[in-house]
C-alpha atoms as a PDB file:
ATOM      1  CA  UNK A   1      -3.319 -16.211  10.792  1.00  0.00           C
ATOM      2  CA  UNK A   2      -0.846 -15.166   8.442  1.00  0.00           C
ATOM      3  CA  UNK A   3       1.871 -17.276   7.148  1.00  0.00           C
ATOM      4  CA  UNK A   4       4.648 -15.291   9.083  1.00  0.00           C
ATOM      5  CA  UNK A   5       2.505 -16.235  12.499  1.00  0.00           C
ATOM      6  CA  UNK A   6       1.527 -12.471  12.670  1.00  0.00           C
ATOM      7  CA  UNK A   7      -2.399 -12.356  13.274  1.00  0.00           C
ATOM      8  CA  UNK A   8      -4.105  -9.549  11.485  1.00  0.00           C
ATOM      9  CA  UNK A   9      -1.092  -8.210   9.663  1.00  0.00           C
ATOM     10  CA  UNK A  10      -2.498  -7.419   6.040  1.00  0.00           C
ATOM     11  CA  UNK A  11       0.350  -7.888   3.416  1.00  0.00           C
ATOM     12  CA  UNK A  12      -0.178  -8.209  -0.500  1.00  0.00           C
ATOM     13  CA  UNK A  13       0.793 -11.763  -1.778  1.00  0.00           C
ATOM     14  CA  UNK A  14       2.421 -14.224   0.103  1.00  0.00           C
ATOM     15  CA  UNK A  15       5.637 -16.175   0.164  1.00  0.00           C
ATOM     16  CA  UNK A  16       6.002 -19.787   0.440  1.00  0.00           C
ATOM     17  CA  UNK A  17       8.521 -21.118   3.018  1.00  0.00           C
ATOM     18  CA  UNK A  18      10.165 -24.566   2.314  1.00  0.00           C
ATOM     19  CA  UNK A  19      11.394 -26.618   5.434  1.00  0.00           C
ATOM     20  CA  UNK A  20      14.926 -25.377   5.187  1.00  0.00           C
ATOM     21  CA  UNK A  21      13.418 -21.964   5.240  1.00  0.00           C
ATOM     22  CA  UNK A  22      13.942 -21.183   1.851  1.00  0.00           C
ATOM     23  CA  UNK A  23      11.462 -18.687   0.304  1.00  0.00           C
ATOM     24  CA  UNK A  24       9.710 -20.136  -2.955  1.00  0.00           C
ATOM     25  CA  UNK A  25       6.899 -18.599  -5.084  1.00  0.00           C
ATOM     26  CA  UNK A  26       5.148 -15.596  -4.394  1.00  0.00           C
ATOM     27  CA  UNK A  27       1.345 -15.704  -4.655  1.00  0.00           C
ATOM     28  CA  UNK A  28      -0.247 -12.383  -6.182  1.00  0.00           C
ATOM     29  CA  UNK A  29      -3.406 -11.659  -4.361  1.00  0.00           C
ATOM     30  CA  UNK A  30      -6.497 -11.230  -6.562  1.00  0.00           C
ATOM     31  CA  UNK A  31      -4.554 -12.280  -9.579  1.00  0.00           C
ATOM     32  CA  UNK A  32      -7.256 -13.407 -11.876  1.00  0.00           C
ATOM     33  CA  UNK A  33      -9.281 -10.730 -10.979  1.00  0.00           C
ATOM     34  CA  UNK A  34      -6.600  -8.095 -11.829  1.00  0.00           C
ATOM     35  CA  UNK A  35      -6.115  -9.452 -15.190  1.00  0.00           C
ATOM     36  CA  UNK A  36      -9.803  -9.432 -15.979  1.00  0.00           C
ATOM     37  CA  UNK A  37     -10.222  -5.952 -14.931  1.00  0.00           C
ATOM     38  CA  UNK A  38      -6.923  -5.079 -16.552  1.00  0.00           C
ATOM     39  CA  UNK A  39      -7.634  -6.822 -19.589  1.00  0.00           C
ATOM     40  CA  UNK A  40      -4.059  -6.856 -21.058  1.00  0.00           C
ATOM     41  CA  UNK A  41      -4.140  -6.324 -24.799  1.00  0.00           C
ATOM     42  CA  UNK A  42      -1.412  -6.856 -27.737  1.00  0.00           C
ATOM     43  CA  UNK A  43       0.766  -3.475 -28.193  1.00  0.00           C
ATOM     44  CA  UNK A  44      -0.214  -1.778 -25.107  1.00  0.00           C
ATOM     45  CA  UNK A  45       1.324  -0.104 -22.229  1.00  0.00           C
ATOM     46  CA  UNK A  46       0.900  -0.679 -18.598  1.00  0.00           C
ATOM     47  CA  UNK A  47       2.414   0.574 -15.365  1.00  0.00           C
ATOM     48  CA  UNK A  48       2.640  -1.702 -12.018  1.00  0.00           C
ATOM     49  CA  UNK A  49       3.184   1.127  -9.581  1.00  0.00           C
ATOM     50  CA  UNK A  50       3.963  -1.475  -6.780  1.00  0.00           C
ATOM     51  CA  UNK A  51       6.377  -4.261  -8.429  1.00  0.00           C
ATOM     52  CA  UNK A  52       6.981  -6.037  -5.305  1.00  0.00           C
ATOM     53  CA  UNK A  53       7.880  -9.639  -6.054  1.00  0.00           C
ATOM     54  CA  UNK A  54       6.894  -8.977  -9.590  1.00  0.00           C
ATOM     55  CA  UNK A  55       3.657 -11.271  -9.620  1.00  0.00           C
ATOM     56  CA  UNK A  56       1.606  -8.916 -11.391  1.00  0.00           C
ATOM     57  CA  UNK A  57       3.794  -7.792 -13.702  1.00  0.00           C
ATOM     58  CA  UNK A  58       4.646 -11.399 -14.862  1.00  0.00           C
ATOM     59  CA  UNK A  59       1.134 -11.999 -15.347  1.00  0.00           C
ATOM     60  CA  UNK A  60       0.607  -9.059 -17.489  1.00  0.00           C
ATOM     61  CA  UNK A  61       3.447  -9.798 -19.748  1.00  0.00           C
ATOM     62  CA  UNK A  62       2.166 -13.415 -20.194  1.00  0.00           C
ATOM     63  CA  UNK A  63      -1.114 -12.432 -20.890  1.00  0.00           C
ATOM     64  CA  UNK A  64      -0.449 -10.192 -23.939  1.00  0.00           C
ATOM     65  CA  UNK A  65       2.244  -8.880 -26.147  1.00  0.00           C
ATOM     66  CA  UNK A  66       2.406  -5.773 -24.146  1.00  0.00           C
ATOM     67  CA  UNK A  67       5.037  -3.626 -22.431  1.00  0.00           C
ATOM     68  CA  UNK A  68       5.138  -3.135 -18.501  1.00  0.00           C
ATOM     69  CA  UNK A  69       6.846  -0.049 -16.823  1.00  0.00           C
ATOM     70  CA  UNK A  70       7.034  -0.938 -13.207  1.00  0.00           C
ATOM     71  CA  UNK A  71       8.000   1.088  -9.995  1.00  0.00           C
ATOM     72  CA  UNK A  72       9.225   0.480  -6.410  1.00  0.00           C
ATOM     73  CA  UNK A  73      10.984   2.169  -3.723  1.00  0.00           C
ATOM     74  CA  UNK A  74      12.302  -0.903  -2.228  1.00  0.00           C
ATOM     75  CA  UNK A  75      15.766  -1.422  -3.527  1.00  0.00           C
ATOM     76  CA  UNK A  76      15.612  -5.545  -2.864  1.00  0.00           C
ATOM     77  CA  UNK A  77      12.705  -5.423  -4.771  1.00  0.00           C
ATOM     78  CA  UNK A  78      14.786  -4.041  -7.661  1.00  0.00           C
ATOM     79  CA  UNK A  79      17.907  -6.031  -6.868  1.00  0.00           C
ATOM     80  CA  UNK A  80      15.741  -9.334  -6.854  1.00  0.00           C
ATOM     81  CA  UNK A  81      14.077  -8.623 -10.251  1.00  0.00           C
ATOM     82  CA  UNK A  82      17.420  -8.518 -12.354  1.00  0.00           C
ATOM     83  CA  UNK A  83      16.554 -11.977 -13.763  1.00  0.00           C
ATOM     84  CA  UNK A  84      13.111 -10.890 -14.615  1.00  0.00           C
ATOM     85  CA  UNK A  85      14.606  -7.711 -16.347  1.00  0.00           C
ATOM     86  CA  UNK A  86      16.822 -10.040 -18.598  1.00  0.00           C
ATOM     87  CA  UNK A  87      13.923 -12.413 -19.669  1.00  0.00           C
ATOM     88  CA  UNK A  88      11.453  -9.595 -20.786  1.00  0.00           C
ATOM     89  CA  UNK A  89      14.243  -6.977 -21.544  1.00  0.00           C
ATOM     90  CA  UNK A  90      12.566  -5.661 -24.676  1.00  0.00           C
ATOM     91  CA  UNK A  91       8.993  -5.506 -23.302  1.00  0.00           C
ATOM     92  CA  UNK A  92       9.743  -4.426 -19.348  1.00  0.00           C
ATOM     93  CA  UNK A  93      11.475  -1.762 -17.642  1.00  0.00           C
ATOM     94  CA  UNK A  94      11.631  -1.400 -13.731  1.00  0.00           C
ATOM     95  CA  UNK A  95      12.375   1.968 -12.136  1.00  0.00           C
ATOM     96  CA  UNK A  96      13.522   2.825  -8.522  1.00  0.00           C
ATOM     97  CA  UNK A  97      10.856   5.171  -7.343  1.00  0.00           C
ATOM     98  CA  UNK A  98       7.899   5.693  -4.827  1.00  0.00           C
ATOM     99  CA  UNK A  99       4.493   5.389  -6.837  1.00  0.00           C
ATOM    100  CA  UNK A 100       3.546   8.933  -5.827  1.00  0.00           C
ATOM    101  CA  UNK A 101       5.900   9.891  -8.661  1.00  0.00           C
ATOM    102  CA  UNK A 102       4.390   7.550 -11.233  1.00  0.00           C
ATOM    103  CA  UNK A 103       3.532  10.589 -13.616  1.00  0.00           C
ATOM    104  CA  UNK A 104       7.243  12.012 -13.312  1.00  0.00           C
ATOM    105  CA  UNK A 105       8.590   8.430 -14.118  1.00  0.00           C
ATOM    106  CA  UNK A 106       6.231   7.837 -16.785  1.00  0.00           C
ATOM    107  CA  UNK A 107       7.198  11.268 -18.171  1.00  0.00           C
ATOM    108  CA  UNK A 108      10.995  10.158 -17.816  1.00  0.00           C
ATOM    109  CA  UNK A 109      10.331   7.224 -20.077  1.00  0.00           C
ATOM    110  CA  UNK A 110       7.806   8.548 -22.612  1.00  0.00           C
ATOM    111  CA  UNK A 111       4.778   6.893 -21.143  1.00  0.00           C
ATOM    112  CA  UNK A 112       2.310   9.522 -20.652  1.00  0.00           C
ATOM    113  CA  UNK A 113      -0.532   7.775 -22.275  1.00  0.00           C
ATOM    114  CA  UNK A 114      -0.697   4.440 -20.994  1.00  0.00           C
ATOM    115  CA  UNK A 115      -3.591   1.569 -21.282  1.00  0.00           C
ATOM    116  CA  UNK A 116      -3.490   0.571 -17.494  1.00  0.00           C
ATOM    117  CA  UNK A 117      -2.229   1.403 -14.013  1.00  0.00           C
ATOM    118  CA  UNK A 118      -2.277  -1.471 -11.339  1.00  0.00           C
ATOM    119  CA  UNK A 119      -1.657  -0.620  -7.611  1.00  0.00           C
ATOM    120  CA  UNK A 120      -1.244  -3.218  -4.834  1.00  0.00           C
ATOM    121  CA  UNK A 121      -1.173  -1.170  -1.720  1.00  0.00           C
ATOM    122  CA  UNK A 122       0.672  -1.785   1.371  1.00  0.00           C
ATOM    123  CA  UNK A 123       3.357  -3.983   2.694  1.00  0.00           C
ATOM    124  CA  UNK A 124       4.515  -6.849   0.682  1.00  0.00           C
ATOM    125  CA  UNK A 125       4.977 -10.526   2.030  1.00  0.00           C
ATOM    126  CA  UNK A 126       8.731 -10.233   1.402  1.00  0.00           C
ATOM    127  CA  UNK A 127       9.012  -7.387   3.611  1.00  0.00           C
ATOM    128  CA  UNK A 128       7.360  -8.991   6.235  1.00  0.00           C
ATOM    129  CA  UNK A 129       9.203 -11.830   6.136  1.00  0.00           C
ATOM    130  CA  UNK A 130      12.492 -10.334   6.335  1.00  0.00           C
ATOM    131  CA  UNK A 131      13.343  -9.667   9.815  1.00  0.00           C
ATOM    132  CA  UNK A 132      15.982  -7.099   9.622  1.00  0.00           C
ATOM    133  CA  UNK A 133      13.481  -4.819   7.732  1.00  0.00           C
ATOM    134  CA  UNK A 134      11.590  -4.341  11.048  1.00  0.00           C
ATOM    135  CA  UNK A 135       7.916  -4.680  10.212  1.00  0.00           C
ATOM    136  CA  UNK A 136       6.784  -7.856  12.163  1.00  0.00           C
ATOM    137  CA  UNK A 137       6.441  -8.187  15.701  1.00  0.00           C
ATOM    138  CA  UNK A 138       6.814 -11.897  15.650  1.00  0.00           C
ATOM    139  CA  UNK A 139      10.402 -11.672  14.871  1.00  0.00           C
ATOM    140  CA  UNK A 140      13.054  -9.691  16.485  1.00  0.00           C
ATOM    141  CA  UNK A 141      14.950  -7.288  14.253  1.00  0.00           C
ATOM    142  CA  UNK A 142      15.795  -3.739  14.028  1.00  0.00           C
ATOM    143  CA  UNK A 143      13.246  -1.035  14.746  1.00  0.00           C
ATOM    144  CA  UNK A 144      13.363   0.415  11.114  1.00  0.00           C
ATOM    145  CA  UNK A 145      10.096  -0.302   9.091  1.00  0.00           C
ATOM    146  CA  UNK A 146      11.004   2.062   6.065  1.00  0.00           C
ATOM    147  CA  UNK A 147      10.246   0.356   2.429  1.00  0.00           C
ATOM    148  CA  UNK A 148      13.186   2.684   1.176  1.00  0.00           C
ATOM    149  CA  UNK A 149      16.597   3.142   2.906  1.00  0.00           C
ATOM    150  CA  UNK A 150      15.989   6.760   3.226  1.00  0.00           C
ATOM    151  CA  UNK A 151      14.471   9.201   6.075  1.00  0.00           C
ATOM    152  CA  UNK A 152      13.491   8.480   9.581  1.00  0.00           C
ATOM    153  CA  UNK A 153      12.998   5.100  10.909  1.00  0.00           C
ATOM    154  CA  UNK A 154      10.680   3.883  13.325  1.00  0.00           C
ATOM    155  CA  UNK A 155      13.247   3.863  16.053  1.00  0.00           C
ATOM    156  CA  UNK A 156      14.058   7.740  15.199  1.00  0.00           C
ATOM    157  CA  UNK A 157      10.649   8.450  15.650  1.00  0.00           C
ATOM    158  CA  UNK A 158       9.879   6.732  18.955  1.00  0.00           C
ATOM    159  CA  UNK A 159      12.648   7.807  20.613  1.00  0.00           C
ATOM    160  CA  UNK A 160      12.515  11.469  19.740  1.00  0.00           C
ATOM    161  CA  UNK A 161       9.085  12.380  19.351  1.00  0.00           C
ATOM    162  CA  UNK A 162       6.799  13.943  22.032  1.00  0.00           C
ATOM    163  CA  UNK A 163       4.189  11.580  23.747  1.00  0.00           C
ATOM    164  CA  UNK A 164       1.103  13.199  22.257  1.00  0.00           C
ATOM    165  CA  UNK A 165       2.416  12.796  18.969  1.00  0.00           C
ATOM    166  CA  UNK A 166       3.128   9.593  19.310  1.00  0.00           C
ATOM    167  CA  UNK A 167      -0.218   8.880  20.620  1.00  0.00           C
ATOM    168  CA  UNK A 168      -1.562  10.685  17.644  1.00  0.00           C
ATOM    169  CA  UNK A 169       0.135   8.561  15.022  1.00  0.00           C
ATOM    170  CA  UNK A 170      -0.871   5.483  16.705  1.00  0.00           C
ATOM    171  CA  UNK A 171      -4.649   6.378  16.948  1.00  0.00           C
ATOM    172  CA  UNK A 172      -5.019   8.170  13.278  1.00  0.00           C
ATOM    173  CA  UNK A 173      -3.065   4.987  11.558  1.00  0.00           C
ATOM    174  CA  UNK A 174      -3.912   2.337  13.575  1.00  0.00           C
ATOM    175  CA  UNK A 175      -7.434   3.144  15.108  1.00  0.00           C
ATOM    176  CA  UNK A 176      -5.968   2.158  18.448  1.00  0.00           C
ATOM    177  CA  UNK A 177      -8.004   3.311  21.025  1.00  0.00           C
ATOM    178  CA  UNK A 178      -5.401   2.819  23.856  1.00  0.00           C
ATOM    179  CA  UNK A 179      -3.099   4.849  21.908  1.00  0.00           C
ATOM    180  CA  UNK A 180      -2.362   7.433  24.727  1.00  0.00           C
ATOM    181  CA  UNK A 181      -1.269   4.359  27.248  1.00  0.00           C
ATOM    182  CA  UNK A 182       0.710   3.004  24.537  1.00  0.00           C
ATOM    183  CA  UNK A 183       2.643   6.199  23.956  1.00  0.00           C
ATOM    184  CA  UNK A 184       3.188   6.792  27.727  1.00  0.00           C
ATOM    185  CA  UNK A 185       4.618   3.192  27.882  1.00  0.00           C
ATOM    186  CA  UNK A 186       6.733   3.766  24.804  1.00  0.00           C
ATOM    187  CA  UNK A 187       8.260   7.463  26.403  1.00  0.00           C
ATOM    188  CA  UNK A 188       8.558   5.572  29.834  1.00  0.00           C
ATOM    189  CA  UNK A 189      10.611   2.692  28.375  1.00  0.00           C
ATOM    190  CA  UNK A 190      12.929   4.984  26.329  1.00  0.00           C
ATOM    191  CA  UNK A 191      13.859   6.820  29.395  1.00  0.00           C
ATOM    192  CA  UNK A 192      15.599   3.698  30.322  1.00  0.00           C
ATOM    193  CA  UNK A 193      17.051   2.242  27.130  1.00  0.00           C
ATOM    194  CA  UNK A 194      16.182   3.761  23.695  1.00  0.00           C
ATOM    195  CA  UNK A 195      13.972   1.428  21.606  1.00  0.00           C
ATOM    196  CA  UNK A 196      16.008  -0.366  18.911  1.00  0.00           C
ATOM    197  CA  UNK A 197      14.372  -3.782  18.176  1.00  0.00           C
ATOM    198  CA  UNK A 198      11.114  -4.790  17.301  1.00  0.00           C
ATOM    199  CA  UNK A 199      10.254  -7.162  20.274  1.00  0.00           C
ATOM    200  CA  UNK A 200      11.291  -4.613  22.575  1.00  0.00           C
ATOM    201  CA  UNK A 201       8.441  -2.444  21.129  1.00  0.00           C
ATOM    202  CA  UNK A 202       6.148  -5.372  20.814  1.00  0.00           C
ATOM    203  CA  UNK A 203       6.879  -6.229  24.570  1.00  0.00           C
ATOM    204  CA  UNK A 204       6.037  -2.732  25.744  1.00  0.00           C
ATOM    205  CA  UNK A 205       2.696  -2.631  23.979  1.00  0.00           C
ATOM    206  CA  UNK A 206       1.892  -6.074  24.977  1.00  0.00           C
ATOM    207  CA  UNK A 207       2.392  -5.126  28.517  1.00  0.00           C
ATOM    208  CA  UNK A 208      -0.287  -2.321  28.305  1.00  0.00           C
ATOM    209  CA  UNK A 209      -2.700  -5.089  27.464  1.00  0.00           C
ATOM    210  CA  UNK A 210      -1.522  -7.376  29.990  1.00  0.00           C
ATOM    211  CA  UNK A 211      -0.401  -9.793  27.167  1.00  0.00           C
ATOM    212  CA  UNK A 212      -3.928 -10.095  26.061  1.00  0.00           C
ATOM    213  CA  UNK A 213      -4.912 -10.918  22.639  1.00  0.00           C
ATOM    214  CA  UNK A 214      -7.312  -8.299  20.937  1.00  0.00           C
ATOM    215  CA  UNK A 215      -9.607  -9.877  18.737  1.00  0.00           C
ATOM    216  CA  UNK A 216      -7.851 -12.836  18.216  1.00  0.00           C
ATOM    217  CA  UNK A 217      -4.726 -10.426  17.200  1.00  0.00           C
ATOM    218  CA  UNK A 218      -1.350  -9.825  18.922  1.00  0.00           C
ATOM    219  CA  UNK A 219      -1.649  -6.352  21.205  1.00  0.00           C
ATOM    220  CA  UNK A 220       1.008  -4.805  19.056  1.00  0.00           C
ATOM    221  CA  UNK A 221      -0.825  -5.172  15.622  1.00  0.00           C
ATOM    222  CA  UNK A 222      -2.307  -1.888  15.385  1.00  0.00           C
ATOM    223  CA  UNK A 223       0.589  -0.302  16.754  1.00  0.00           C
ATOM    224  CA  UNK A 224       3.042  -1.804  14.156  1.00  0.00           C
ATOM    225  CA  UNK A 225       0.346  -0.741  11.402  1.00  0.00           C
ATOM    226  CA  UNK A 226       0.309   2.889  12.473  1.00  0.00           C
ATOM    227  CA  UNK A 227       3.900   3.463  12.572  1.00  0.00           C
ATOM    228  CA  UNK A 228       4.576   1.820   9.400  1.00  0.00           C
ATOM    229  CA  UNK A 229       2.034   3.862   7.499  1.00  0.00           C
ATOM    230  CA  UNK A 230       3.331   6.839   9.127  1.00  0.00           C
ATOM    231  CA  UNK A 231       7.102   6.203   8.635  1.00  0.00           C
ATOM    232  CA  UNK A 232       6.384   5.730   4.663  1.00  0.00           C
ATOM    233  CA  UNK A 233       3.569   8.247   4.266  1.00  0.00           C
ATOM    234  CA  UNK A 234       1.504   5.372   2.786  1.00  0.00           C
ATOM    235  CA  UNK A 235      -1.748   7.190   2.719  1.00  0.00           C
ATOM    236  CA  UNK A 236      -0.462  10.271   1.136  1.00  0.00           C
ATOM    237  CA  UNK A 237       1.483   8.110  -1.150  1.00  0.00           C
ATOM    238  CA  UNK A 238      -1.623   6.560  -2.363  1.00  0.00           C
ATOM    239  CA  UNK A 239      -3.424   9.821  -2.696  1.00  0.00           C
ATOM    240  CA  UNK A 240      -0.774  11.135  -5.140  1.00  0.00           C
ATOM    241  CA  UNK A 241      -0.437   7.846  -6.744  1.00  0.00           C
ATOM    242  CA  UNK A 242      -4.097   7.891  -7.828  1.00  0.00           C
ATOM    243  CA  UNK A 243      -4.300  11.531  -9.045  1.00  0.00           C
ATOM    244  CA  UNK A 244      -0.919  10.614 -11.052  1.00  0.00           C
ATOM    245  CA  UNK A 245      -2.666   7.382 -12.720  1.00  0.00           C
ATOM    246  CA  UNK A 246      -5.525   9.664 -13.504  1.00  0.00           C
ATOM    247  CA  UNK A 247      -2.923  12.145 -15.479  1.00  0.00           C
ATOM    248  CA  UNK A 248      -1.339   9.319 -17.498  1.00  0.00           C
ATOM    249  CA  UNK A 249      -4.148   7.049 -18.218  1.00  0.00           C
ATOM    250  CA  UNK A 250      -5.531   7.692 -21.765  1.00  0.00           C
ATOM    251  CA  UNK A 251      -9.324   7.610 -22.481  1.00  0.00           C
ATOM    252  CA  UNK A 252     -10.316   3.726 -22.144  1.00  0.00           C
ATOM    253  CA  UNK A 253      -7.365   3.021 -20.212  1.00  0.00           C
ATOM    254  CA  UNK A 254      -8.091   1.151 -16.823  1.00  0.00           C
ATOM    255  CA  UNK A 255      -7.066   1.667 -13.320  1.00  0.00           C
ATOM    256  CA  UNK A 256      -7.020  -1.340 -10.828  1.00  0.00           C
ATOM    257  CA  UNK A 257      -6.434  -1.026  -7.240  1.00  0.00           C
ATOM    258  CA  UNK A 258      -5.943  -3.882  -4.466  1.00  0.00           C
ATOM    259  CA  UNK A 259      -5.874  -2.447  -0.996  1.00  0.00           C
ATOM    260  CA  UNK A 260      -5.806  -4.083   2.390  1.00  0.00           C
ATOM    261  CA  UNK A 261      -7.038  -2.372   5.245  1.00  0.00           C
ATOM    262  CA  UNK A 262     -10.063   0.288   5.608  1.00  0.00           C
ATOM    263  CA  UNK A 263      -7.869   3.308   5.713  1.00  0.00           C
ATOM    264  CA  UNK A 264      -6.343   2.473   2.120  1.00  0.00           C
ATOM    265  CA  UNK A 265      -9.681   1.364   0.805  1.00  0.00           C
ATOM    266  CA  UNK A 266     -11.738   4.224   1.957  1.00  0.00           C
ATOM    267  CA  UNK A 267      -9.539   6.714   0.099  1.00  0.00           C
ATOM    268  CA  UNK A 268      -9.621   4.499  -3.214  1.00  0.00           C
ATOM    269  CA  UNK A 269     -13.280   4.338  -2.961  1.00  0.00           C
ATOM    270  CA  UNK A 270     -13.461   8.129  -2.226  1.00  0.00           C
ATOM    271  CA  UNK A 271     -11.318   8.937  -4.900  1.00  0.00           C
ATOM    272  CA  UNK A 272     -13.159   6.874  -7.449  1.00  0.00           C
ATOM    273  CA  UNK A 273     -16.716   8.233  -6.190  1.00  0.00           C
ATOM    274  CA  UNK A 274     -15.881  11.781  -6.798  1.00  0.00           C
ATOM    275  CA  UNK A 275     -13.990  11.258 -10.075  1.00  0.00           C
ATOM    276  CA  UNK A 276     -16.832   9.231 -11.698  1.00  0.00           C
ATOM    277  CA  UNK A 277     -19.433  11.937 -10.602  1.00  0.00           C
ATOM    278  CA  UNK A 278     -21.148   9.842  -8.023  1.00  0.00           C
ATOM    279  CA  UNK A 279     -20.858  12.441  -5.447  1.00  0.00           C
ATOM    280  CA  UNK A 280     -21.082  16.295  -6.030  1.00  0.00           C
ATOM    281  CA  UNK A 281     -19.737  18.144  -3.193  1.00  0.00           C
ATOM    282  CA  UNK A 282     -18.034  21.467  -2.536  1.00  0.00           C
ATOM    283  CA  UNK A 283     -14.328  21.968  -0.879  1.00  0.00           C
ATOM    284  CA  UNK A 284     -13.875  22.173   2.853  1.00  0.00           C
ATOM    285  CA  UNK A 285     -12.373  25.558   1.958  1.00  0.00           C
ATOM    286  CA  UNK A 286     -14.915  27.068  -0.414  1.00  0.00           C
ATOM    287  CA  UNK A 287     -18.755  27.336  -0.299  1.00  0.00           C
ATOM    288  CA  UNK A 288     -20.662  24.704  -2.196  1.00  0.00           C
ATOM    289  CA  UNK A 289     -22.156  27.016  -4.953  1.00  0.00           C
ATOM    290  CA  UNK A 290     -18.699  28.485  -5.844  1.00  0.00           C
ATOM    291  CA  UNK A 291     -17.253  25.170  -7.012  1.00  0.00           C
ATOM    292  CA  UNK A 292     -17.464  24.183 -10.530  1.00  0.00           C
ATOM    293  CA  UNK A 293     -18.537  20.265 -10.928  1.00  0.00           C
ATOM    294  CA  UNK A 294     -15.908  18.544 -13.271  1.00  0.00           C
ATOM    295  CA  UNK A 295     -16.980  16.291 -15.599  1.00  0.00           C
ATOM    296  CA  UNK A 296     -16.259  12.461 -14.468  1.00  0.00           C
ATOM    297  CA  UNK A 297     -12.739  11.321 -15.351  1.00  0.00           C
ATOM    298  CA  UNK A 298     -13.697   7.691 -14.661  1.00  0.00           C
ATOM    299  CA  UNK A 299     -16.282   5.358 -15.094  1.00  0.00           C
ATOM    300  CA  UNK A 300     -16.378   2.628 -12.233  1.00  0.00           C
ATOM    301  CA  UNK A 301     -16.225  -0.858 -13.369  1.00  0.00           C
ATOM    302  CA  UNK A 302     -17.370  -2.880 -10.094  1.00  0.00           C
ATOM    303  CA  UNK A 303     -19.979  -0.966  -7.904  1.00  0.00           C
ATOM    304  CA  UNK A 304     -18.785  -2.896  -4.986  1.00  0.00           C
ATOM    305  CA  UNK A 305     -15.416  -4.090  -4.402  1.00  0.00           C
ATOM    306  CA  UNK A 306     -13.964  -7.580  -5.433  1.00  0.00           C
ATOM    307  CA  UNK A 307     -12.674  -9.722  -2.859  1.00  0.00           C
ATOM    308  CA  UNK A 308     -10.984 -13.186  -2.651  1.00  0.00           C
ATOM    309  CA  UNK A 309     -12.433 -16.432  -3.491  1.00  0.00           C
ATOM    310  CA  UNK A 310     -12.479 -19.270  -0.211  1.00  0.00           C
ATOM    311  CA  UNK A 311     -10.322 -21.057  -2.818  1.00  0.00           C
ATOM    312  CA  UNK A 312      -7.880 -18.396  -2.746  1.00  0.00           C
ATOM    313  CA  UNK A 313      -7.882 -17.861   0.975  1.00  0.00           C
ATOM    314  CA  UNK A 314      -7.324 -21.389   1.628  1.00  0.00           C
ATOM    315  CA  UNK A 315      -4.115 -21.185  -0.379  1.00  0.00           C
ATOM    316  CA  UNK A 316      -3.127 -17.405   0.683  1.00  0.00           C
ATOM    317  CA  UNK A 317      -4.858 -16.487   4.233  1.00  0.00           C
ATOM    318  CA  UNK A 318      -2.653 -13.085   3.948  1.00  0.00           C
ATOM    319  CA  UNK A 319      -5.390 -12.248   1.017  1.00  0.00           C
ATOM    320  CA  UNK A 320      -8.266 -12.305   3.348  1.00  0.00           C
ATOM    321  CA  UNK A 321      -8.543  -8.141   3.838  1.00  0.00           C
ATOM    322  CA  UNK A 322      -8.031  -7.539   0.056  1.00  0.00           C
ATOM    323  CA  UNK A 323     -10.322  -5.461  -1.706  1.00  0.00           C
ATOM    324  CA  UNK A 324     -10.053  -4.564  -5.484  1.00  0.00           C
ATOM    325  CA  UNK A 325     -11.526  -1.622  -7.101  1.00  0.00           C
ATOM    326  CA  UNK A 326     -11.265  -0.781 -10.794  1.00  0.00           C
ATOM    327  CA  UNK A 327     -12.263   2.045 -12.830  1.00  0.00           C
ATOM    328  CA  UNK A 328     -12.147   3.096 -16.854  1.00  0.00           C
ATOM    329  CA  UNK A 329     -10.819   6.452 -17.644  1.00  0.00           C
ATOM    330  CA  UNK A 330     -12.928   8.990 -19.501  1.00  0.00           C
ATOM    331  CA  UNK A 331     -11.648  11.989 -21.835  1.00  0.00           C
ATOM    332  CA  UNK A 332     -12.692  14.740 -19.211  1.00  0.00           C
ATOM    333  CA  UNK A 333      -9.801  16.687 -17.977  1.00  0.00           C
ATOM    334  CA  UNK A 334      -7.859  15.893 -14.533  1.00  0.00           C
ATOM    335  CA  UNK A 335      -9.502  16.778 -11.609  1.00  0.00           C
ATOM    336  CA  UNK A 336      -7.000  18.645  -8.935  1.00  0.00           C
ATOM    337  CA  UNK A 337      -6.013  16.889  -5.981  1.00  0.00           C
ATOM    338  CA  UNK A 338      -7.154  18.056  -2.614  1.00  0.00           C
ATOM    339  CA  UNK A 339      -6.054  15.725   0.456  1.00  0.00           C
ATOM    340  CA  UNK A 340      -8.429  17.151   2.561  1.00  0.00           C
ATOM    341  CA  UNK A 341     -11.307  16.750   0.145  1.00  0.00           C
ATOM    342  CA  UNK A 342     -10.174  12.887  -0.119  1.00  0.00           C
ATOM    343  CA  UNK A 343     -10.173  12.849   3.699  1.00  0.00           C
ATOM    344  CA  UNK A 344      -6.579  11.415   4.067  1.00  0.00           C
ATOM    345  CA  UNK A 345      -6.148  10.954   7.627  1.00  0.00           C
ATOM    346  CA  UNK A 346      -3.781  12.771   9.426  1.00  0.00           C
ATOM    347  CA  UNK A 347      -2.527  12.893  12.917  1.00  0.00           C
ATOM    348  CA  UNK A 348      -3.417  16.106  15.030  1.00  0.00           C
ATOM    349  CA  UNK A 349      -0.121  18.318  15.189  1.00  0.00           C
END
């Protein structure tokens, strides 16, 4: 059970709520493990590709007399960081940008050779805890789910897409076996009244399951996850961010990635496995013998992902599904990015 009462919702970090409803400190997930893997050192430059509430950035700046360039595509995260920007004005810069554009941002800030990149994938606790963002099925809010203010909202998609398209999205990104029944129920509901609120959608999905919990979780958990991933292109963004990190890390630079569900972790694992030379295979589009084997561009630090300790889980239940993978950049050339080769899931068209 997460702190917002949403079973099964994986979120990076947690925000304590006081009795009067005020948010207090943010608890970064696997913080000590991130710092140990990143090994901040005086005079070095690091990129935090998913700033959020700034937990990792603050810890990195506190660990060494270094600099941090951080990114976030959520304008609310940028606005809430103003005090931190003032506090670390000479060592910290924060840019409004998706982390898929990490290399472009680094180039704009003369940071094309960095000592470390940290990525904390998925939705943040702050986003879940704000009903107006539309991420939670436990609180009523607009059916939005956008991490930025741009593009199609979840309501836009659900009220206009074909039933088969909705079903494919829910199945691919939510691994939901009742995706077709849920899509059918959504289309039926929108013919009466367009869906516009989170609790409306949660109720539609719950009725498909007759209100029963699935593995102890709310029946809408997987549907909400799928829509959020689709609306924000989270898996495509992740693949591009990993490739961008490969471009800007100097030899000996460290890549640290914390993920929260299997779809994310499989992409990270596959990327590092391929880039470390642990797996040699051809492209899906060319015969094996025509593919030149690239030299390993990373050396994996931890062969198995690091997971939260019991002590951390007692303090922060939202950390329960977190997985940390880390690697060190070699001096080998950058590999090309092939989303098919990384097996990034895509809904059938």
